[in-house]
Amino acid sequence: MNVNKYKQMMVDFLEEKMSADEFQTQYLKKFIEWDDRMDETLFEILNGVFESADCYWHECLPGQETSFEISEQQLRNEVDEALIKLYKLLDKLWVLLN
């Protein structure tokens, strides 16, 4: 399992190295293509990002989000929250392995 490919894509998006549209397209495509084995917690984090990317709609404005459409701002918030969870999980795993 190579978590770094997921993590790097999220970091690039948050650092505005890719647009929300690019992130959505690339993350959805790669998440479906990647055949990684992962534990349940990691899957929940990465699948949450997948669901957020799937709900992103470029015409949705902040404050107009629904359960099926989110704005770029909300997507960034959700990716940021997922990245924090991912770093915490990776820290735990690192401690367990060392």
C-alpha atoms as a PDB file:
ATOM      1  CA  MET A   1       0.000   0.000   0.000  1.00  0.00           C
ATOM      2  CA  ASN A   2       1.366   3.375  -0.961  1.00  0.00           C
ATOM      3  CA  VAL A   3      -0.486   5.993   1.071  1.00  0.00           C
ATOM      4  CA  ASN A   4       1.824   8.720  -0.203  1.00  0.00           C
ATOM      5  CA  LYS A   5       0.085   8.870  -3.584  1.00  0.00           C
ATOM      6  CA  TYR A   6      -3.207   9.714  -1.878  1.00  0.00           C
ATOM      7  CA  LYS A   7      -1.596  12.087   0.587  1.00  0.00           C
ATOM      8  CA  GLN A   8       0.371  13.952  -2.076  1.00  0.00           C
ATOM      9  CA  MET A   9      -2.678  14.520  -4.224  1.00  0.00           C
ATOM     10  CA  MET A  10      -4.540  15.997  -1.234  1.00  0.00           C
ATOM     11  CA  VAL A  11      -1.569  18.201  -0.299  1.00  0.00           C
ATOM     12  CA  ASP A  12      -1.220  19.436  -3.883  1.00  0.00           C
ATOM     13  CA  PHE A  13      -4.896  20.378  -3.935  1.00  0.00           C
ATOM     14  CA  LEU A  14      -4.736  22.204  -0.599  1.00  0.00           C
ATOM     15  CA  GLU A  15      -1.583  24.035  -1.693  1.00  0.00           C
ATOM     16  CA  GLU A  16      -3.448  25.070  -4.862  1.00  0.00           C
ATOM     17  CA  LYS A  17      -1.076  23.186  -7.145  1.00  0.00           C
ATOM     18  CA  MET A  18      -4.209  21.795  -8.803  1.00  0.00           C
ATOM     19  CA  SER A  19      -7.701  23.168  -9.206  1.00  0.00           C
ATOM     20  CA  ALA A  20     -10.771  21.643  -7.595  1.00  0.00           C
ATOM     21  CA  ASP A  21     -11.850  20.312 -10.996  1.00  0.00           C
ATOM     22  CA  GLU A  22      -8.436  18.701 -11.546  1.00  0.00           C
ATOM     23  CA  PHE A  23      -8.460  17.223  -8.048  1.00  0.00           C
ATOM     24  CA  GLN A  24     -11.946  15.828  -8.532  1.00  0.00           C
ATOM     25  CA  THR A  25     -11.094  14.228 -11.865  1.00  0.00           C
ATOM     26  CA  GLN A  26      -7.739  12.813 -10.784  1.00  0.00           C
ATOM     27  CA  TYR A  27      -8.801  11.586  -7.339  1.00  0.00           C
ATOM     28  CA  LEU A  28     -11.960   9.853  -8.589  1.00  0.00           C
ATOM     29  CA  LYS A  29     -10.041   8.182 -11.419  1.00  0.00           C
ATOM     30  CA  LYS A  30      -7.071   7.123  -9.318  1.00  0.00           C
ATOM     31  CA  PHE A  31      -9.106   5.923  -6.331  1.00  0.00           C
ATOM     32  CA  ILE A  32     -11.058   3.581  -8.603  1.00  0.00           C
ATOM     33  CA  GLU A  33      -7.907   2.440 -10.465  1.00  0.00           C
ATOM     34  CA  TRP A  34      -5.676   1.858  -7.456  1.00  0.00           C
ATOM     35  CA  ASP A  35      -5.872  -1.673  -6.183  1.00  0.00           C
ATOM     36  CA  ASP A  36      -4.408  -1.131  -2.755  1.00  0.00           C
ATOM     37  CA  ARG A  37      -5.089  -3.240   0.279  1.00  0.00           C
ATOM     38  CA  MET A  38      -5.767  -1.105   3.309  1.00  0.00           C
ATOM     39  CA  ASP A  39      -7.221  -1.363   6.755  1.00  0.00           C
ATOM     40  CA  GLU A  40     -10.735  -0.166   7.507  1.00  0.00           C
ATOM     41  CA  THR A  41      -9.706   3.138   9.112  1.00  0.00           C
ATOM     42  CA  LEU A  42      -7.544   4.135   6.173  1.00  0.00           C
ATOM     43  CA  PHE A  43     -10.266   3.127   3.734  1.00  0.00           C
ATOM     44  CA  GLU A  44     -12.824   5.242   5.614  1.00  0.00           C
ATOM     45  CA  ILE A  45     -10.569   8.311   5.394  1.00  0.00           C
ATOM     46  CA  LEU A  46      -9.750   7.896   1.708  1.00  0.00           C
ATOM     47  CA  ASN A  47     -13.274   6.889   0.750  1.00  0.00           C
ATOM     48  CA  GLY A  48     -14.566   9.994   2.541  1.00  0.00           C
ATOM     49  CA  VAL A  49     -12.363  12.094   0.252  1.00  0.00           C
ATOM     50  CA  PHE A  50     -13.704  10.122  -2.713  1.00  0.00           C
ATOM     51  CA  GLU A  51     -17.282  10.876  -1.663  1.00  0.00           C
ATOM     52  CA  SER A  52     -16.471  14.569  -1.159  1.00  0.00           C
ATOM     53  CA  ALA A  53     -14.778  14.793  -4.562  1.00  0.00           C
ATOM     54  CA  ASP A  54     -17.784  13.080  -6.103  1.00  0.00           C
ATOM     55  CA  CYS A  55     -20.143  15.659  -4.526  1.00  0.00           C
ATOM     56  CA  TYR A  56     -18.058  18.671  -5.628  1.00  0.00           C
ATOM     57  CA  TRP A  57     -19.833  20.850  -8.199  1.00  0.00           C
ATOM     58  CA  HIS A  58     -17.992  23.852  -9.651  1.00  0.00           C
ATOM     59  CA  GLU A  59     -21.159  25.972  -9.746  1.00  0.00           C
ATOM     60  CA  CYS A  60     -22.046  25.363  -6.102  1.00  0.00           C
ATOM     61  CA  LEU A  61     -21.311  28.430  -3.999  1.00  0.00           C
ATOM     62  CA  PRO A  62     -20.340  28.409  -0.318  1.00  0.00           C
ATOM     63  CA  GLY A  63     -23.472  28.255   1.796  1.00  0.00           C
ATOM     64  CA  GLN A  64     -25.473  26.587  -0.972  1.00  0.00           C
ATOM     65  CA  GLU A  65     -24.207  23.066  -0.320  1.00  0.00           C
ATOM     66  CA  THR A  66     -26.645  20.182  -0.173  1.00  0.00           C
ATOM     67  CA  SER A  67     -26.108  16.551   0.744  1.00  0.00           C
ATOM     68  CA  PHE A  68     -25.369  15.912  -2.949  1.00  0.00           C
ATOM     69  CA  GLU A  69     -23.415  19.037  -3.973  1.00  0.00           C
ATOM     70  CA  ILE A  70     -20.576  20.855  -2.245  1.00  0.00           C
ATOM     71  CA  SER A  71     -18.587  23.967  -3.099  1.00  0.00           C
ATOM     72  CA  GLU A  72     -14.849  24.187  -3.645  1.00  0.00           C
ATOM     73  CA  GLN A  73     -14.500  25.731  -0.205  1.00  0.00           C
ATOM     74  CA  GLN A  74     -16.318  22.791   1.400  1.00  0.00           C
ATOM     75  CA  LEU A  75     -14.246  20.320  -0.621  1.00  0.00           C
ATOM     76  CA  ARG A  76     -11.070  21.990   0.645  1.00  0.00           C
ATOM     77  CA  ASN A  77     -12.375  21.820   4.227  1.00  0.00           C
ATOM     78  CA  GLU A  78     -13.206  18.139   3.915  1.00  0.00           C
ATOM     79  CA  VAL A  79      -9.885  17.262   2.275  1.00  0.00           C
ATOM     80  CA  ASP A  80      -8.075  19.197   5.008  1.00  0.00           C
ATOM     81  CA  GLU A  81      -9.955  17.278   7.727  1.00  0.00           C
ATOM     82  CA  ALA A  82      -9.183  13.978   5.993  1.00  0.00           C
ATOM     83  CA  LEU A  83      -5.509  14.868   5.712  1.00  0.00           C
ATOM     84  CA  ILE A  84      -5.346  15.595   9.452  1.00  0.00           C
ATOM     85  CA  LYS A  85      -6.933  12.187  10.152  1.00  0.00           C
ATOM     86  CA  LEU A  86      -4.511  10.553   7.726  1.00  0.00           C
ATOM     87  CA  TYR A  87      -1.468  12.118   9.414  1.00  0.00           C
ATOM     88  CA  LYS A  88      -2.755  10.976  12.838  1.00  0.00           C
ATOM     89  CA  LEU A  89      -3.251   7.442  11.543  1.00  0.00           C
ATOM     90  CA  LEU A  90       0.204   7.373   9.971  1.00  0.00           C
ATOM     91  CA  ASP A  91       1.736   8.642  13.230  1.00  0.00           C
ATOM     92  CA  LYS A  92       0.004   5.830  15.140  1.00  0.00           C
ATOM     93  CA  LEU A  93       1.219   3.228  12.670  1.00  0.00           C
ATOM     94  CA  TRP A  94       4.749   4.593  12.802  1.00  0.00           C
ATOM     95  CA  VAL A  95       4.789   4.360  16.607  1.00  0.00           C
ATOM     96  CA  LEU A  96       3.474   0.789  16.494  1.00  0.00           C
ATOM     97  CA  LEU A  97       6.100  -0.283  13.976  1.00  0.00           C
ATOM     98  CA  ASN A  98       9.038   1.282  15.806  1.00  0.00           C
END
